[in-house]
Amino acid sequence: ILLIPVAAGVAVPIGIHLNPMVAGVAMGLSSVFVLSNSLRLKRLKVYVPTVTPGAVQNAALEPAHS
């Protein structure tokens, strides 16, 4: 995210240029992060709360917390 304005040329007047090799490495690392996050999410177990039949009825009778 930080390199997008630099790639657009915002920092050219102060002498900061983005080398195309740096942009390529940043793009590759972005793909690695997306892939690793998707694999990490795939391993998560789905949380399914267990509800006993009496708990739903009792919860409806209790007053709301203020």
N, C-alpha and C. Protein backbone atom coordinates (compact mmCIF):
# COMPACT_ATOMS: atom_id res chain seq x y z
N ILE A 1 0.84 -1.19 0.00
CA ILE A 1 0.00 0.00 0.00
C ILE A 1 0.88 1.25 0.00
N LEU A 2 2.00 1.17 0.71
CA LEU A 2 2.86 2.35 0.80
C LEU A 2 3.56 2.66 -0.52
N LEU A 3 3.75 1.65 -1.36
CA LEU A 3 4.48 1.87 -2.60
C LEU A 3 3.59 2.34 -3.75
N ILE A 4 2.27 2.32 -3.58
CA ILE A 4 1.37 2.73 -4.67
C ILE A 4 1.57 4.20 -5.04
N PRO A 5 1.59 5.14 -4.08
CA PRO A 5 1.86 6.54 -4.48
C PRO A 5 3.25 6.72 -5.09
N VAL A 6 4.22 5.98 -4.59
CA VAL A 6 5.57 6.08 -5.15
C VAL A 6 5.57 5.57 -6.58
N ALA A 7 4.86 4.47 -6.83
CA ALA A 7 4.77 3.93 -8.19
C ALA A 7 4.03 4.88 -9.11
N ALA A 8 3.08 5.64 -8.57
CA ALA A 8 2.33 6.59 -9.38
C ALA A 8 3.15 7.84 -9.69
N GLY A 9 4.28 8.02 -9.03
CA GLY A 9 5.14 9.15 -9.33
C GLY A 9 4.95 10.35 -8.43
N VAL A 10 4.29 10.17 -7.30
CA VAL A 10 4.05 11.29 -6.39
C VAL A 10 5.36 11.82 -5.81
N ALA A 11 6.31 10.92 -5.57
CA ALA A 11 7.55 11.32 -4.91
C ALA A 11 8.66 11.68 -5.90
N VAL A 12 8.37 11.74 -7.19
CA VAL A 12 9.40 12.08 -8.19
C VAL A 12 9.97 13.47 -7.97
N PRO A 13 9.17 14.49 -7.63
CA PRO A 13 9.76 15.83 -7.43
C PRO A 13 10.82 15.88 -6.32
N ILE A 14 10.73 15.00 -5.34
CA ILE A 14 11.75 15.00 -4.28
C ILE A 14 12.85 13.98 -4.55
N GLY A 15 12.82 13.33 -5.70
CA GLY A 15 13.90 12.46 -6.11
C GLY A 15 13.75 10.99 -5.78
N ILE A 16 12.56 10.54 -5.41
CA ILE A 16 12.34 9.12 -5.11
C ILE A 16 11.67 8.47 -6.30
N HIS A 17 12.37 7.51 -6.89
CA HIS A 17 11.85 6.76 -8.03
C HIS A 17 11.70 5.31 -7.62
N LEU A 18 10.71 4.64 -8.20
CA LEU A 18 10.49 3.23 -7.91
C LEU A 18 11.11 2.40 -9.03
N ASN A 19 12.07 1.60 -8.66
CA ASN A 19 12.70 0.69 -9.61
C ASN A 19 11.68 -0.38 -9.99
N PRO A 20 11.55 -0.74 -11.27
CA PRO A 20 10.62 -1.79 -11.67
C PRO A 20 10.90 -3.13 -11.00
N MET A 21 12.15 -3.38 -10.63
CA MET A 21 12.48 -4.64 -9.93
C MET A 21 11.84 -4.65 -8.54
N VAL A 22 11.83 -3.51 -7.86
CA VAL A 22 11.21 -3.42 -6.54
C VAL A 22 9.71 -3.63 -6.66
N ALA A 23 9.11 -3.07 -7.69
CA ALA A 23 7.67 -3.25 -7.91
C ALA A 23 7.35 -4.71 -8.17
N GLY A 24 8.20 -5.39 -8.94
CA GLY A 24 7.98 -6.81 -9.21
C GLY A 24 8.10 -7.66 -7.96
N VAL A 25 9.07 -7.35 -7.12
CA VAL A 25 9.23 -8.09 -5.87
C VAL A 25 8.03 -7.85 -4.95
N ALA A 26 7.58 -6.60 -4.87
CA ALA A 26 6.41 -6.29 -4.03
C ALA A 26 5.17 -7.02 -4.53
N MET A 27 5.01 -7.11 -5.84
CA MET A 27 3.86 -7.82 -6.40
C MET A 27 3.94 -9.32 -6.09
N GLY A 28 5.13 -9.87 -6.19
CA GLY A 28 5.31 -11.28 -5.86
C GLY A 28 5.04 -11.57 -4.40
N LEU A 29 5.55 -10.70 -3.52
CA LEU A 29 5.29 -10.88 -2.09
C LEU A 29 3.81 -10.74 -1.76
N SER A 30 3.13 -9.86 -2.46
CA SER A 30 1.70 -9.71 -2.25
C SER A 30 0.97 -11.01 -2.58
N SER A 31 1.36 -11.64 -3.67
CA SER A 31 0.74 -12.92 -4.03
C SER A 31 1.03 -14.00 -3.00
N VAL A 32 2.25 -14.01 -2.47
CA VAL A 32 2.60 -15.00 -1.44
C VAL A 32 1.76 -14.77 -0.19
N PHE A 33 1.57 -13.51 0.22
CA PHE A 33 0.76 -13.23 1.40
C PHE A 33 -0.70 -13.64 1.20
N VAL A 34 -1.25 -13.38 0.02
CA VAL A 34 -2.63 -13.75 -0.25
C VAL A 34 -2.79 -15.27 -0.22
N LEU A 35 -1.85 -15.97 -0.82
CA LEU A 35 -1.92 -17.43 -0.84
C LEU A 35 -1.77 -18.01 0.56
N SER A 36 -0.81 -17.50 1.33
CA SER A 36 -0.62 -18.03 2.68
C SER A 36 -1.82 -17.74 3.58
N ASN A 37 -2.44 -16.58 3.44
CA ASN A 37 -3.64 -16.28 4.24
C ASN A 37 -4.81 -17.17 3.85
N SER A 38 -4.96 -17.46 2.56
CA SER A 38 -6.06 -18.33 2.15
C SER A 38 -5.85 -19.75 2.67
N LEU A 39 -4.60 -20.22 2.67
CA LEU A 39 -4.33 -21.55 3.22
C LEU A 39 -4.53 -21.58 4.73
N ARG A 40 -4.19 -20.48 5.39
CA ARG A 40 -4.39 -20.40 6.84
C ARG A 40 -5.88 -20.40 7.18
N LEU A 41 -6.67 -19.69 6.41
CA LEU A 41 -8.12 -19.66 6.65
C LEU A 41 -8.76 -21.01 6.36
N LYS A 42 -8.19 -21.73 5.42
CA LYS A 42 -8.74 -23.04 5.07
C LYS A 42 -8.58 -24.03 6.22
N ARG A 43 -7.55 -23.85 7.06
CA ARG A 43 -7.31 -24.75 8.18
C ARG A 43 -8.16 -24.44 9.39
N LEU A 44 -8.79 -23.26 9.44
CA LEU A 44 -9.60 -22.91 10.60
C LEU A 44 -10.81 -23.83 10.72
N LYS A 45 -11.12 -24.18 11.94
CA LYS A 45 -12.30 -24.99 12.19
C LYS A 45 -13.49 -24.07 12.38
N VAL A 46 -14.63 -24.49 11.89
CA VAL A 46 -15.84 -23.70 12.01
C VAL A 46 -16.35 -23.78 13.44
N TYR A 47 -16.63 -22.63 14.01
CA TYR A 47 -17.16 -22.58 15.37
C TYR A 47 -18.67 -22.73 15.31
N VAL A 48 -19.17 -23.79 15.91
CA VAL A 48 -20.61 -24.02 15.98
C VAL A 48 -20.99 -24.04 17.45
N PRO A 49 -21.68 -23.02 17.92
CA PRO A 49 -22.05 -23.00 19.34
C PRO A 49 -23.06 -24.09 19.65
N THR A 50 -22.89 -24.70 20.80
CA THR A 50 -23.84 -25.73 21.22
C THR A 50 -24.90 -25.06 22.08
N VAL A 51 -26.13 -25.28 21.72
CA VAL A 51 -27.26 -24.67 22.43
C VAL A 51 -28.14 -25.79 22.94
N THR A 52 -28.37 -25.78 24.23
CA THR A 52 -29.29 -26.75 24.80
C THR A 52 -30.71 -26.22 24.65
N PRO A 53 -31.66 -27.09 24.50
CA PRO A 53 -33.05 -26.62 24.28
C PRO A 53 -33.56 -25.69 25.38
N GLY A 54 -33.22 -25.92 26.64
CA GLY A 54 -33.69 -25.07 27.72
C GLY A 54 -33.01 -23.71 27.75
N ALA A 55 -31.82 -23.61 27.18
CA ALA A 55 -31.08 -22.35 27.22
C ALA A 55 -31.75 -21.27 26.39
N VAL A 56 -32.36 -21.65 25.29
CA VAL A 56 -33.02 -20.67 24.43
C VAL A 56 -34.26 -20.12 25.13
N GLN A 57 -35.01 -20.96 25.77
CA GLN A 57 -36.22 -20.51 26.46
C GLN A 57 -35.86 -19.66 27.66
N ASN A 58 -34.85 -20.05 28.44
CA ASN A 58 -34.45 -19.28 29.62
C ASN A 58 -33.86 -17.94 29.24
N ALA A 59 -33.14 -17.87 28.13
CA ALA A 59 -32.54 -16.62 27.71
C ALA A 59 -33.60 -15.61 27.31
N ALA A 60 -34.72 -16.08 26.79
CA ALA A 60 -35.78 -15.17 26.39
C ALA A 60 -36.48 -14.58 27.61
N LEU A 61 -36.45 -15.28 28.75
CA LEU A 61 -37.12 -14.79 29.95
C LEU A 61 -36.26 -13.85 30.77
N GLU A 62 -34.94 -13.89 30.58
CA GLU A 62 -34.04 -13.04 31.36
C GLU A 62 -34.09 -11.61 30.85
N PRO A 63 -34.02 -10.62 31.74
CA PRO A 63 -34.01 -9.22 31.28
C PRO A 63 -32.68 -8.89 30.61
N ALA A 64 -32.73 -7.94 29.70
CA ALA A 64 -31.52 -7.50 29.00
C ALA A 64 -30.63 -6.73 29.96
N HIS A 65 -29.30 -6.84 29.76
CA HIS A 65 -28.36 -6.11 30.60
C HIS A 65 -28.36 -4.64 30.20
N SER A 66 -28.30 -3.78 31.20
CA SER A 66 -28.31 -2.34 30.89
C SER A 66 -26.95 -1.73 31.01
